[in-house]
Amino acid sequence: MDAIRLGSRYAWTLLVVLVVARSAPGQPPQAEKYSSADYGVVEARNERVEMRDGAKLVVDVFRPDAEGRFAGVLCQTPYDKNGLATRAKWFAERGYVARR
């Protein structure tokens, strides 16, 4: 009987923690603090990349239309990669190379 009561107490504690965490206010987006879109975008679609184990993946690469080196962002999903194009372009406009 004590194990049931102890388990019930943990369940209630977990429920309270989840409810409080869900209702806690998060930081709102601050669009004015985002970097500006200073670059055009160059797209390379359906590039084949071979992994170390020999598997070949198909990726799209979005990069700023400028010379030089840029930091990279990897957008990865096991599903349809076309849904991430808008996000990848957003990063490329701000000076990142984005692969999806």
C-alpha atoms as a PDB file:
ATOM      1  CA  MET A   1       0.000   0.000   0.000  1.00  0.00           C
ATOM      2  CA  ASP A   2       2.865   2.379   0.785  1.00  0.00           C
ATOM      3  CA  ALA A   3       4.336   1.852  -2.716  1.00  0.00           C
ATOM      4  CA  ILE A   4       1.025   2.878  -4.290  1.00  0.00           C
ATOM      5  CA  ARG A   5       0.808   5.971  -2.114  1.00  0.00           C
ATOM      6  CA  LEU A   6       4.448   6.877  -2.899  1.00  0.00           C
ATOM      7  CA  GLY A   7       3.878   6.369  -6.643  1.00  0.00           C
ATOM      8  CA  SER A   8       0.756   8.519  -6.476  1.00  0.00           C
ATOM      9  CA  ARG A   9       2.707  11.280  -4.731  1.00  0.00           C
ATOM     10  CA  TYR A  10       5.349  11.231  -7.477  1.00  0.00           C
ATOM     11  CA  ALA A  11       2.643  11.333 -10.133  1.00  0.00           C
ATOM     12  CA  TRP A  12       1.024  14.391  -8.537  1.00  0.00           C
ATOM     13  CA  THR A  13       4.401  16.105  -8.160  1.00  0.00           C
ATOM     14  CA  LEU A  14       5.204  15.448 -11.815  1.00  0.00           C
ATOM     15  CA  LEU A  15       1.795  16.776 -12.859  1.00  0.00           C
ATOM     16  CA  VAL A  16       2.289  19.994 -10.866  1.00  0.00           C
ATOM     17  CA  VAL A  17       5.782  20.506 -12.332  1.00  0.00           C
ATOM     18  CA  LEU A  18       4.505  20.012 -15.869  1.00  0.00           C
ATOM     19  CA  VAL A  19       1.558  22.379 -15.405  1.00  0.00           C
ATOM     20  CA  VAL A  20       3.747  25.089 -13.870  1.00  0.00           C
ATOM     21  CA  ALA A  21       6.422  24.689 -16.562  1.00  0.00           C
ATOM     22  CA  ARG A  22       3.778  24.864 -19.307  1.00  0.00           C
ATOM     23  CA  SER A  23       2.253  28.051 -17.938  1.00  0.00           C
ATOM     24  CA  ALA A  24       5.582  29.795 -17.231  1.00  0.00           C
ATOM     25  CA  PRO A  25       6.017  32.790 -19.530  1.00  0.00           C
ATOM     26  CA  GLY A  26       8.760  32.468 -22.127  1.00  0.00           C
ATOM     27  CA  GLN A  27      10.824  35.211 -23.652  1.00  0.00           C
ATOM     28  CA  PRO A  28       8.929  36.758 -26.573  1.00  0.00           C
ATOM     29  CA  PRO A  29      10.666  37.060 -29.965  1.00  0.00           C
ATOM     30  CA  GLN A  30      12.605  40.293 -30.367  1.00  0.00           C
ATOM     31  CA  ALA A  31      12.685  40.797 -34.122  1.00  0.00           C
ATOM     32  CA  GLU A  32      14.402  44.163 -33.815  1.00  0.00           C
ATOM     33  CA  LYS A  33      17.468  42.376 -32.390  1.00  0.00           C
ATOM     34  CA  TYR A  34      17.784  39.914 -35.310  1.00  0.00           C
ATOM     35  CA  SER A  35      20.613  40.525 -37.743  1.00  0.00           C
ATOM     36  CA  SER A  36      19.630  42.222 -40.974  1.00  0.00           C
ATOM     37  CA  ALA A  37      19.281  40.423 -44.304  1.00  0.00           C
ATOM     38  CA  ASP A  38      22.431  41.792 -45.990  1.00  0.00           C
ATOM     39  CA  TYR A  39      23.124  39.076 -48.566  1.00  0.00           C
ATOM     40  CA  GLY A  40      21.604  37.581 -51.656  1.00  0.00           C
ATOM     41  CA  VAL A  41      21.266  33.795 -51.634  1.00  0.00           C
ATOM     42  CA  VAL A  42      22.939  31.207 -53.863  1.00  0.00           C
ATOM     43  CA  GLU A  43      21.165  27.842 -53.897  1.00  0.00           C
ATOM     44  CA  ALA A  44      22.695  24.467 -54.788  1.00  0.00           C
ATOM     45  CA  ARG A  45      19.902  21.875 -54.828  1.00  0.00           C
ATOM     46  CA  ASN A  46      20.151  18.089 -54.634  1.00  0.00           C
ATOM     47  CA  GLU A  47      23.910  17.877 -54.094  1.00  0.00           C
ATOM     48  CA  ARG A  48      25.106  14.347 -53.333  1.00  0.00           C
ATOM     49  CA  VAL A  49      27.379  14.020 -50.304  1.00  0.00           C
ATOM     50  CA  GLU A  50      29.099  10.750 -49.423  1.00  0.00           C
ATOM     51  CA  MET A  51      29.369   9.923 -45.741  1.00  0.00           C
ATOM     52  CA  ARG A  52      32.266   8.044 -44.118  1.00  0.00           C
ATOM     53  CA  ASP A  53      30.273   4.808 -44.131  1.00  0.00           C
ATOM     54  CA  GLY A  54      29.632   5.092 -47.867  1.00  0.00           C
ATOM     55  CA  ALA A  55      26.005   6.228 -47.590  1.00  0.00           C
ATOM     56  CA  LYS A  56      25.107   9.002 -50.007  1.00  0.00           C
ATOM     57  CA  LEU A  57      22.828  11.787 -48.835  1.00  0.00           C
ATOM     58  CA  VAL A  58      21.143  14.431 -50.967  1.00  0.00           C
ATOM     59  CA  VAL A  59      21.367  17.952 -49.536  1.00  0.00           C
ATOM     60  CA  ASP A  60      20.457  21.482 -50.542  1.00  0.00           C
ATOM     61  CA  VAL A  61      23.000  24.198 -49.737  1.00  0.00           C
ATOM     62  CA  PHE A  62      22.037  27.846 -49.326  1.00  0.00           C
ATOM     63  CA  ARG A  63      24.895  30.323 -48.968  1.00  0.00           C
ATOM     64  CA  PRO A  64      25.375  34.065 -49.032  1.00  0.00           C
ATOM     65  CA  ASP A  65      26.142  35.497 -52.470  1.00  0.00           C
ATOM     66  CA  ALA A  66      29.546  36.821 -51.418  1.00  0.00           C
ATOM     67  CA  GLU A  67      33.190  35.764 -51.282  1.00  0.00           C
ATOM     68  CA  GLY A  68      34.730  34.511 -48.072  1.00  0.00           C
ATOM     69  CA  ARG A  69      34.119  32.025 -45.322  1.00  0.00           C
ATOM     70  CA  PHE A  70      30.862  31.875 -43.392  1.00  0.00           C
ATOM     71  CA  ALA A  71      29.640  29.991 -40.358  1.00  0.00           C
ATOM     72  CA  GLY A  72      27.350  27.067 -41.106  1.00  0.00           C
ATOM     73  CA  VAL A  73      23.933  25.941 -39.891  1.00  0.00           C
ATOM     74  CA  LEU A  74      22.647  22.405 -40.422  1.00  0.00           C
ATOM     75  CA  CYS A  75      18.872  21.997 -40.724  1.00  0.00           C
ATOM     76  CA  GLN A  76      18.138  18.291 -40.506  1.00  0.00           C
ATOM     77  CA  THR A  77      14.948  16.277 -40.738  1.00  0.00           C
ATOM     78  CA  PRO A  78      14.234  12.621 -41.502  1.00  0.00           C
ATOM     79  CA  TYR A  79      11.251  13.727 -43.575  1.00  0.00           C
ATOM     80  CA  ASP A  80      10.706  15.916 -46.638  1.00  0.00           C
ATOM     81  CA  LYS A  81      13.580  18.434 -46.833  1.00  0.00           C
ATOM     82  CA  ASN A  82      11.564  20.943 -48.877  1.00  0.00           C
ATOM     83  CA  GLY A  83       9.807  22.297 -45.800  1.00  0.00           C
ATOM     84  CA  LEU A  84      13.036  23.832 -44.491  1.00  0.00           C
ATOM     85  CA  ALA A  85      13.902  25.986 -47.522  1.00  0.00           C
ATOM     86  CA  THR A  86      12.440  29.173 -46.054  1.00  0.00           C
ATOM     87  CA  ARG A  87      14.441  28.776 -42.847  1.00  0.00           C
ATOM     88  CA  ALA A  88      17.659  27.965 -44.741  1.00  0.00           C
ATOM     89  CA  LYS A  89      17.239  31.048 -46.964  1.00  0.00           C
ATOM     90  CA  TRP A  90      16.636  33.200 -43.861  1.00  0.00           C
ATOM     91  CA  PHE A  91      20.003  32.100 -42.440  1.00  0.00           C
ATOM     92  CA  ALA A  92      21.816  32.570 -45.776  1.00  0.00           C
ATOM     93  CA  GLU A  93      20.520  36.142 -46.085  1.00  0.00           C
ATOM     94  CA  ARG A  94      22.134  36.857 -42.718  1.00  0.00           C
ATOM     95  CA  GLY A  95      25.593  35.483 -43.534  1.00  0.00           C
ATOM     96  CA  TYR A  96      25.379  31.756 -42.758  1.00  0.00           C
ATOM     97  CA  VAL A  97      25.780  28.736 -44.992  1.00  0.00           C
ATOM     98  CA  ALA A  98      22.694  26.591 -44.414  1.00  0.00           C
ATOM     99  CA  ARG A  99      22.414  22.953 -45.411  1.00  0.00           C
ATOM    100  CA  ARG A 100      19.217  21.005 -45.301  1.00  0.00           C
END
